[in-house]
Amino acid sequence: MSTESVPDPTILNPRDAIVRVFLSSVCGSDLHLLGGYIPAMRAGDIIGHEFMGEIIEVGPEVKKLKKGDRVVVCSVLACGGCEFCQREEYSLCDNSNAEPEWTEKAYGYPVAGIFGYSHALGGYAGSHAEYTRIPFADNTCFKVPDGVSNESALFTSDAFPTGYMAADFAGIEPGDTVVVWGAGGVGLMAMHSAWLLGAGRVIAIDQYPYRLEQARTRANAEVLNFREVDVLQALKEMTGGRGPDRCIDCVGMEANSTGIEKIYDYAKQYARLQNDRPAVLRQAIMACRKGGTVSVIGVYGGFIDKFPMGAAMNKGLTFRMGQQFGQRYIPKLLDIVAKGEVDPAYLLTHKLSLDMGQEGYMMFKEKTNNNMRSVFAPAG
């Protein structure tokens, strides 16, 4: 990773806009790129997909936006007109991935484009830059309400809608016990969202004390450190032997674990015998009560090993998963933030300039200095 000067983006399509970036956050899924787990990166690619800023130019077919609008930009690109966009399944868009052959070969069908997330997801320049081109701007940018700060609006780009979709997909019913694996930005937003959707109890699982403290104090969650307790046994005891109703995986392909499972997963991944480390997914399946729901929003890229299909089938579990349908949720979440019901600005713990990109990512990756999110402020 390095900070370099590149040409400013220009309008390439009449539906484009150009945004001057005010704030651009790192995200846990960016670490998959740096770790080599998404094998479609090229030298010179600009990463970053969670951002907000100001419209400085629009193409002739952009109808909803104008120069000077303050906007939050959804991380997922969507054309707005295909069958899947009409169904509000925006991350399944047929038309927004400019290099569809990658995911068509890997998954059978292409999926939507994502800013700064490799050529498998379209090869679009990302948001860790002073200016970013926004394809399908009318379907990708959302005006920030007056009174909502840039810092609060920023996380409605990706972390909040991703966490909200995780809770929504969990099918939470009033009074449910909801367990969230991962107390990073997305996990914390999933916890807040679980309360918004009627949960009676929220339990957070992580290994870092400062993140668990955020879950306890900010998201009103009970907390478990998986390095200190047997998670499955603890969840049984906390639920009277019944198990949680809804289990949410906000970790994905680089899950950490303990004991022989950790050794097995790391060895298989390093030897390229499996793409992803699915320790959290295994735990969620085994922990969930009979007839419950497992919601998967943590990113998985390929194949996994030792998937407990027998437990999932015989317990009658329901699975919901996917990349976020951000355009479905962002307007609602901006309203929630405007009303003060949830303010995700606390996720921003370190505001940095672009030339501190390496330091910002290292803090985020290594979880030093109580870093929740490094956020770059290109505009100063």
Protein backbone atom coordinates (compact mmCIF):
# COMPACT_ATOMS: atom_id res chain seq x y z
CA MET A 1 0.00 0.00 0.00
CA SER A 2 1.21 3.48 -0.82
CA THR A 3 -0.14 7.00 -1.29
CA GLU A 4 0.34 8.26 -4.83
CA SER A 5 -0.84 11.06 -7.13
CA VAL A 6 -3.16 9.98 -9.94
CA PRO A 7 -5.19 11.88 -12.56
CA ASP A 8 -8.48 13.33 -11.35
CA PRO A 9 -11.53 11.27 -12.40
CA THR A 10 -13.80 12.56 -15.14
CA ILE A 11 -17.37 11.94 -16.29
CA LEU A 12 -17.31 8.82 -18.48
CA ASN A 13 -21.02 8.10 -18.71
CA PRO A 14 -23.98 10.52 -18.74
CA ARG A 15 -25.25 8.93 -15.50
CA ASP A 16 -21.96 9.65 -13.65
CA ALA A 17 -21.19 12.21 -10.99
CA ILE A 18 -17.91 13.30 -9.43
CA VAL A 19 -17.71 13.55 -5.64
CA ARG A 20 -15.14 15.49 -3.67
CA VAL A 21 -14.52 13.13 -0.78
CA PHE A 22 -14.86 14.57 2.72
CA LEU A 23 -14.46 11.34 4.71
CA SER A 24 -13.57 7.78 3.68
CA SER A 25 -13.42 4.95 6.21
CA VAL A 26 -11.47 1.72 6.28
CA CYS A 27 -13.58 -1.43 6.57
CA GLY A 28 -12.86 -4.94 7.76
CA SER A 29 -13.48 -6.30 4.29
CA ASP A 30 -10.65 -4.08 2.97
CA LEU A 31 -8.28 -6.25 4.97
CA HIS A 32 -9.25 -9.21 2.79
CA LEU A 33 -7.79 -7.28 -0.15
CA LEU A 34 -4.54 -6.52 1.65
CA GLY A 35 -4.24 -10.12 2.82
CA GLY A 36 -4.53 -11.46 -0.71
CA TYR A 37 -7.82 -13.27 -0.13
CA ILE A 38 -9.51 -11.46 -3.03
CA PRO A 39 -7.24 -12.46 -5.94
CA ALA A 40 -8.31 -9.84 -8.48
CA MET A 41 -6.26 -6.82 -7.45
CA ARG A 42 -3.85 -5.02 -9.76
CA ALA A 43 -1.00 -2.61 -9.13
CA GLY A 44 -2.33 0.94 -8.86
CA ASP A 45 -5.86 0.02 -7.77
CA ILE A 46 -7.44 2.61 -5.45
CA ILE A 47 -9.26 1.01 -2.54
CA GLY A 48 -11.95 2.29 -0.15
CA HIS A 49 -15.73 1.96 -0.37
CA GLU A 50 -17.30 3.71 2.63
CA PHE A 51 -17.48 7.45 2.08
CA MET A 52 -19.33 10.74 1.86
CA GLY A 53 -18.64 14.10 0.31
CA GLU A 54 -19.90 16.82 -2.03
CA ILE A 55 -21.12 16.61 -5.62
CA ILE A 56 -18.88 18.78 -7.81
CA GLU A 57 -20.02 17.64 -11.27
CA VAL A 58 -22.89 15.63 -12.76
CA GLY A 59 -23.47 13.98 -16.11
CA PRO A 60 -26.33 15.13 -18.36
CA GLU A 61 -28.62 12.23 -17.41
CA VAL A 62 -28.30 12.69 -13.62
CA LYS A 63 -31.70 13.94 -12.42
CA LYS A 64 -31.73 13.81 -8.61
CA LEU A 65 -28.43 15.48 -7.79
CA LYS A 66 -26.77 18.82 -8.40
CA LYS A 67 -23.45 20.47 -7.80
CA GLY A 68 -23.03 21.33 -4.12
CA ASP A 69 -25.19 18.52 -2.71
CA ARG A 70 -23.73 16.86 0.36
CA VAL A 71 -24.13 13.12 -0.12
CA VAL A 72 -23.36 9.75 1.36
CA VAL A 73 -22.39 7.18 -1.26
CA CYS A 74 -23.49 3.55 -1.06
CA SER A 75 -20.56 1.16 -1.32
CA VAL A 76 -22.51 -1.07 -3.74
CA LEU A 77 -23.25 0.13 -7.26
CA ALA A 78 -26.72 -0.46 -8.70
CA CYS A 79 -28.21 0.43 -12.06
CA GLY A 80 -31.73 0.85 -10.66
CA GLY A 81 -33.45 -0.75 -13.63
CA CYS A 82 -32.67 -4.47 -13.78
CA GLU A 83 -34.86 -7.19 -12.27
CA PHE A 84 -32.80 -7.38 -9.08
CA CYS A 85 -32.72 -3.63 -8.50
CA GLN A 86 -36.50 -3.58 -8.98
CA ARG A 87 -36.69 -6.26 -6.25
CA GLU A 88 -34.46 -4.03 -4.04
CA GLU A 89 -31.75 -6.72 -4.12
CA TYR A 90 -29.19 -4.16 -5.17
CA SER A 91 -25.98 -6.13 -4.59
CA LEU A 92 -27.27 -8.64 -7.16
CA CYS A 93 -27.53 -5.97 -9.88
CA ASP A 94 -27.08 -7.36 -13.38
CA ASN A 95 -25.50 -4.25 -14.88
CA SER A 96 -23.17 -2.50 -12.43
CA ASN A 97 -20.20 -4.87 -12.54
CA ALA A 98 -17.98 -3.73 -15.41
CA GLU A 99 -15.98 -7.00 -15.33
CA PRO A 100 -18.70 -9.64 -14.75
CA GLU A 101 -16.67 -12.58 -16.02
CA TRP A 102 -14.84 -12.94 -12.70
CA THR A 103 -17.86 -13.61 -10.50
CA GLU A 104 -19.76 -15.38 -13.26
CA LYS A 105 -17.02 -18.01 -13.34
CA ALA A 106 -16.70 -18.18 -9.56
CA TYR A 107 -20.38 -18.07 -8.56
CA GLY A 108 -22.31 -19.03 -11.68
CA TYR A 109 -23.72 -15.53 -12.17
CA PRO A 110 -22.22 -12.04 -11.94
CA VAL A 111 -22.90 -9.83 -8.93
CA ALA A 112 -22.92 -6.06 -8.52
CA GLY A 113 -19.92 -3.76 -8.62
CA ILE A 114 -18.40 -2.34 -5.44
CA PHE A 115 -16.14 0.71 -5.16
CA GLY A 116 -12.46 -0.10 -4.70
CA TYR A 117 -13.00 -3.81 -4.28
CA SER A 118 -10.89 -5.50 -6.96
CA HIS A 119 -11.59 -6.26 -10.59
CA ALA A 120 -13.87 -9.14 -9.58
CA LEU A 121 -16.31 -6.47 -8.39
CA GLY A 122 -15.92 -4.16 -11.36
CA GLY A 123 -12.46 -2.62 -11.05
CA TYR A 124 -13.89 0.75 -9.94
CA ALA A 125 -11.57 3.28 -8.35
CA GLY A 126 -12.29 3.52 -4.63
CA SER A 127 -12.85 6.33 -2.17
CA HIS A 128 -9.45 6.76 -0.50
CA ALA A 129 -8.87 9.71 -2.78
CA GLU A 130 -9.66 13.40 -3.09
CA TYR A 131 -12.19 12.80 -5.87
CA THR A 132 -14.17 9.71 -6.92
CA ARG A 133 -16.28 9.00 -10.00
CA ILE A 134 -19.76 7.73 -9.11
CA PRO A 135 -21.44 5.56 -11.77
CA PHE A 136 -25.27 5.33 -11.62
CA ALA A 137 -25.14 8.41 -9.41
CA ASP A 138 -28.91 8.80 -8.96
CA ASN A 139 -29.05 5.27 -7.51
CA THR A 140 -25.81 5.43 -5.55
CA CYS A 141 -25.75 8.86 -3.83
CA PHE A 142 -28.12 9.97 -1.06
CA LYS A 143 -28.47 13.54 0.17
CA VAL A 144 -27.47 14.03 3.79
CA PRO A 145 -30.18 15.78 5.85
CA ASP A 146 -29.41 19.16 7.36
CA GLY A 147 -28.24 18.76 10.92
CA VAL A 148 -26.56 15.39 10.36
CA SER A 149 -22.79 15.74 10.68
CA ASN A 150 -20.36 14.35 8.14
CA GLU A 151 -19.06 11.94 10.79
CA SER A 152 -22.54 10.59 11.52
CA ALA A 153 -23.50 10.34 7.85
CA LEU A 154 -20.30 8.53 6.87
CA PHE A 155 -21.22 5.18 8.32
CA THR A 156 -24.60 5.08 6.62
CA SER A 157 -22.58 4.37 3.49
CA ASP A 158 -21.69 0.81 4.49
CA ALA A 159 -21.31 -0.17 8.16
CA PHE A 160 -24.80 0.82 9.28
CA PRO A 161 -26.76 -0.55 6.29
CA THR A 162 -24.68 -3.73 6.37
CA GLY A 163 -25.37 -4.22 10.07
CA TYR A 164 -29.03 -3.34 9.63
CA MET A 165 -29.42 -5.83 6.79
CA ALA A 166 -27.80 -8.50 8.97
CA ALA A 167 -30.41 -7.88 11.67
CA ASP A 168 -33.22 -7.60 9.14
CA PHE A 169 -32.23 -10.89 7.50
CA ALA A 170 -32.15 -12.55 10.93
CA GLY A 171 -35.94 -12.24 11.08
CA ILE A 172 -35.95 -10.87 14.61
CA GLU A 173 -39.24 -11.20 16.46
CA PRO A 174 -40.15 -9.24 19.61
CA GLY A 175 -38.19 -10.49 22.62
CA ASP A 176 -35.72 -12.61 20.66
CA THR A 177 -32.23 -13.34 21.93
CA VAL A 178 -29.78 -12.21 19.23
CA VAL A 179 -26.09 -13.10 19.20
CA VAL A 180 -23.64 -11.11 17.08
CA TRP A 181 -20.18 -12.46 16.33
CA GLY A 182 -17.79 -9.55 15.81
CA ALA A 183 -17.81 -6.22 17.66
CA GLY A 184 -16.30 -4.13 14.91
CA GLY A 185 -18.18 -1.41 13.05
CA VAL A 186 -20.61 -3.72 11.27
CA GLY A 187 -21.16 -5.89 14.32
CA LEU A 188 -21.92 -2.89 16.52
CA MET A 189 -24.38 -1.56 13.96
CA ALA A 190 -26.01 -5.00 13.82
CA MET A 191 -26.46 -4.82 17.60
CA HIS A 192 -28.08 -1.38 17.45
CA SER A 193 -30.27 -2.62 14.60
CA ALA A 194 -31.32 -5.71 16.54
CA TRP A 195 -32.70 -3.44 19.26
CA LEU A 196 -34.46 -1.30 16.64
CA LEU A 197 -36.12 -4.42 15.26
CA GLY A 198 -37.43 -5.64 18.61
CA ALA A 199 -34.76 -7.85 20.17
CA GLY A 200 -35.21 -8.63 23.84
CA ARG A 201 -31.58 -9.43 24.43
CA VAL A 202 -28.34 -8.87 22.48
CA ILE A 203 -25.08 -10.75 23.11
CA ALA A 204 -21.75 -9.76 21.52
CA ILE A 205 -18.79 -12.08 20.92
CA ASP A 206 -15.25 -10.85 20.22
CA GLN A 207 -11.70 -11.21 21.54
CA TYR A 208 -10.68 -7.57 22.04
CA PRO A 209 -11.67 -6.04 25.40
CA TYR A 210 -11.98 -2.48 24.05
CA ARG A 211 -14.37 -3.60 21.31
CA LEU A 212 -16.42 -5.61 23.79
CA GLU A 213 -16.57 -2.52 26.00
CA GLN A 214 -18.01 -0.55 23.07
CA ALA A 215 -20.58 -3.30 22.59
CA ARG A 216 -21.51 -3.16 26.27
CA THR A 217 -21.64 0.62 26.69
CA ARG A 218 -22.75 1.79 23.23
CA ALA A 219 -24.94 -1.10 22.04
CA ASN A 220 -26.24 -2.28 25.43
CA ALA A 221 -25.05 -5.84 24.74
CA GLU A 222 -23.98 -8.60 27.07
CA VAL A 223 -20.47 -9.65 26.10
CA LEU A 224 -18.40 -12.82 25.75
CA ASN A 225 -14.68 -13.01 25.04
CA PHE A 226 -14.14 -16.20 23.05
CA ARG A 227 -10.57 -16.47 24.34
CA GLU A 228 -11.85 -16.67 27.91
CA VAL A 229 -14.96 -18.86 27.64
CA ASP A 230 -16.34 -21.81 25.70
CA VAL A 231 -18.78 -19.87 23.53
CA LEU A 232 -21.21 -22.70 22.86
CA GLN A 233 -21.39 -23.69 26.51
CA ALA A 234 -21.72 -20.07 27.65
CA LEU A 235 -24.59 -19.40 25.22
CA LYS A 236 -26.42 -22.52 26.39
CA GLU A 237 -26.09 -21.41 29.98
CA MET A 238 -27.22 -17.86 29.17
CA THR A 239 -30.33 -19.13 27.40
CA GLY A 240 -31.34 -21.88 29.82
CA GLY A 241 -30.12 -24.61 27.47
CA ARG A 242 -32.38 -23.46 24.60
CA GLY A 243 -29.91 -21.50 22.49
CA PRO A 244 -30.22 -18.04 20.93
CA ASP A 245 -33.03 -17.38 18.46
CA ARG A 246 -30.97 -15.45 15.91
CA CYS A 247 -27.24 -15.77 15.23
CA ILE A 248 -25.44 -13.14 13.13
CA ASP A 249 -22.00 -13.65 11.58
CA CYS A 250 -20.37 -10.23 11.13
CA VAL A 251 -16.85 -11.65 10.76
CA GLY A 252 -16.58 -13.73 7.60
CA MET A 253 -13.59 -15.25 5.88
CA GLU A 254 -10.81 -14.31 8.31
CA ALA A 255 -12.46 -15.49 11.52
CA ASN A 256 -10.20 -16.18 14.49
CA SER A 257 -10.72 -19.09 16.84
CA THR A 258 -8.80 -21.12 19.41
CA GLY A 259 -7.31 -24.58 19.81
CA ILE A 260 -7.15 -27.22 17.11
CA GLU A 261 -9.82 -25.48 15.04
CA LYS A 262 -7.57 -22.44 14.64
CA ILE A 263 -4.59 -24.56 13.63
CA TYR A 264 -6.69 -26.54 11.16
CA ASP A 265 -8.22 -23.49 9.47
CA TYR A 266 -4.98 -21.55 9.19
CA ALA A 267 -3.12 -24.57 7.81
CA LYS A 268 -5.81 -25.27 5.21
CA GLN A 269 -5.95 -21.60 4.18
CA TYR A 270 -2.20 -21.14 3.93
CA ALA A 271 -1.94 -24.31 1.85
CA ARG A 272 -4.72 -22.94 -0.42
CA LEU A 273 -6.89 -25.95 0.39
CA GLN A 274 -9.71 -23.67 1.50
CA ASN A 275 -10.36 -20.01 0.75
CA ASP A 276 -11.94 -18.88 3.99
CA ARG A 277 -11.73 -19.56 7.73
CA PRO A 278 -15.33 -20.34 8.77
CA ALA A 279 -14.95 -20.70 12.54
CA VAL A 280 -17.68 -18.17 13.34
CA LEU A 281 -20.11 -19.71 10.86
CA ARG A 282 -19.59 -23.13 12.45
CA GLN A 283 -20.20 -21.67 15.91
CA ALA A 284 -23.33 -19.84 14.81
CA ILE A 285 -24.81 -23.03 13.34
CA MET A 286 -24.03 -25.08 16.42
CA ALA A 287 -25.20 -22.38 18.86
CA CYS A 288 -28.49 -21.44 17.20
CA ARG A 289 -31.65 -22.89 18.70
CA LYS A 290 -33.68 -25.42 16.75
CA GLY A 291 -35.73 -23.62 14.13
CA GLY A 292 -33.70 -20.44 14.49
CA THR A 293 -32.04 -18.22 11.90
CA VAL A 294 -28.40 -17.73 10.95
CA SER A 295 -27.72 -14.41 9.20
CA VAL A 296 -24.38 -14.09 7.41
CA ILE A 297 -23.14 -10.62 6.49
CA GLY A 298 -19.39 -11.19 7.01
CA VAL A 299 -17.74 -11.54 3.60
CA TYR A 300 -16.95 -15.01 2.25
CA GLY A 301 -15.16 -15.38 -1.06
CA GLY A 302 -14.93 -19.03 -1.98
CA PHE A 303 -14.91 -22.52 -0.47
CA ILE A 304 -14.87 -23.54 3.17
CA ASP A 305 -14.17 -26.83 4.93
CA LYS A 306 -15.89 -28.69 7.75
CA PHE A 307 -19.28 -27.03 7.28
CA PRO A 308 -21.72 -28.64 9.79
CA MET A 309 -24.49 -29.26 7.27
CA GLY A 310 -25.97 -32.07 9.34
CA ALA A 311 -26.57 -29.74 12.28
CA ALA A 312 -28.06 -27.07 10.03
CA MET A 313 -30.44 -29.48 8.31
CA ASN A 314 -31.55 -31.50 11.32
CA LYS A 315 -32.09 -28.41 13.48
CA GLY A 316 -34.25 -26.85 10.77
CA LEU A 317 -32.22 -23.64 10.56
CA THR A 318 -32.97 -20.80 8.16
CA PHE A 319 -30.05 -19.07 6.44
CA ARG A 320 -30.10 -15.51 5.02
CA MET A 321 -26.99 -13.87 3.63
CA GLY A 322 -25.56 -11.50 1.08
CA GLN A 323 -23.71 -8.28 0.39
CA GLN A 324 -25.67 -5.31 1.65
CA PHE A 325 -28.71 -3.97 -0.23
CA GLY A 326 -27.62 -0.48 0.76
CA GLN A 327 -30.01 1.48 -1.45
CA ARG A 328 -32.92 -0.24 0.32
CA TYR A 329 -31.79 0.86 3.76
CA ILE A 330 -29.77 4.11 3.55
CA PRO A 331 -32.73 6.57 3.40
CA LYS A 332 -34.28 4.92 6.47
CA LEU A 333 -30.98 4.95 8.34
CA LEU A 334 -30.30 8.59 7.56
CA ASP A 335 -33.69 9.34 9.11
CA ILE A 336 -32.81 7.25 12.18
CA VAL A 337 -29.54 9.17 12.55
CA ALA A 338 -31.30 12.52 12.03
CA LYS A 339 -33.73 11.65 14.83
CA GLY A 340 -30.87 10.76 17.17
CA GLU A 341 -31.96 7.17 17.64
CA VAL A 342 -28.51 5.87 16.67
CA ASP A 343 -25.39 7.96 16.08
CA PRO A 344 -22.65 5.83 14.47
CA ALA A 345 -20.09 8.66 14.64
CA TYR A 346 -18.44 6.98 17.65
CA LEU A 347 -16.94 4.41 15.27
CA LEU A 348 -14.56 7.12 14.03
CA THR A 349 -11.66 6.86 16.46
CA HIS A 350 -8.78 8.06 14.25
CA LYS A 351 -9.12 10.79 11.60
CA LEU A 352 -6.08 10.88 9.32
CA SER A 353 -4.79 12.43 6.12
CA LEU A 354 -4.42 10.31 2.99
CA ASP A 355 -0.65 10.26 3.27
CA MET A 356 -1.08 8.34 6.54
CA GLY A 357 -2.82 5.49 4.74
CA GLN A 358 -0.32 2.84 5.79
CA GLU A 359 -0.41 3.91 9.44
CA GLY A 360 -4.21 4.03 9.44
CA TYR A 361 -4.53 0.56 8.00
CA MET A 362 -1.89 -0.88 10.31
CA MET A 363 -3.72 0.46 13.39
CA PHE A 364 -6.97 -0.98 12.09
CA LYS A 365 -5.49 -4.35 11.19
CA GLU A 366 -3.48 -4.79 14.38
CA LYS A 367 -6.22 -3.31 16.63
CA THR A 368 -3.78 -0.89 18.26
CA ASN A 369 -4.61 2.39 20.02
CA ASN A 370 -8.19 1.16 20.60
CA ASN A 371 -8.82 1.69 16.90
CA MET A 372 -12.39 1.09 15.76
CA ARG A 373 -12.14 2.81 12.39
CA SER A 374 -9.41 4.82 10.71
CA VAL A 375 -11.04 7.51 8.57
CA PHE A 376 -9.24 9.53 5.92
CA ALA A 377 -10.14 13.17 5.43
CA PRO A 378 -8.78 14.17 1.99
CA ALA A 379 -10.40 17.62 2.20
CA GLY A 380 -8.65 18.37 5.48
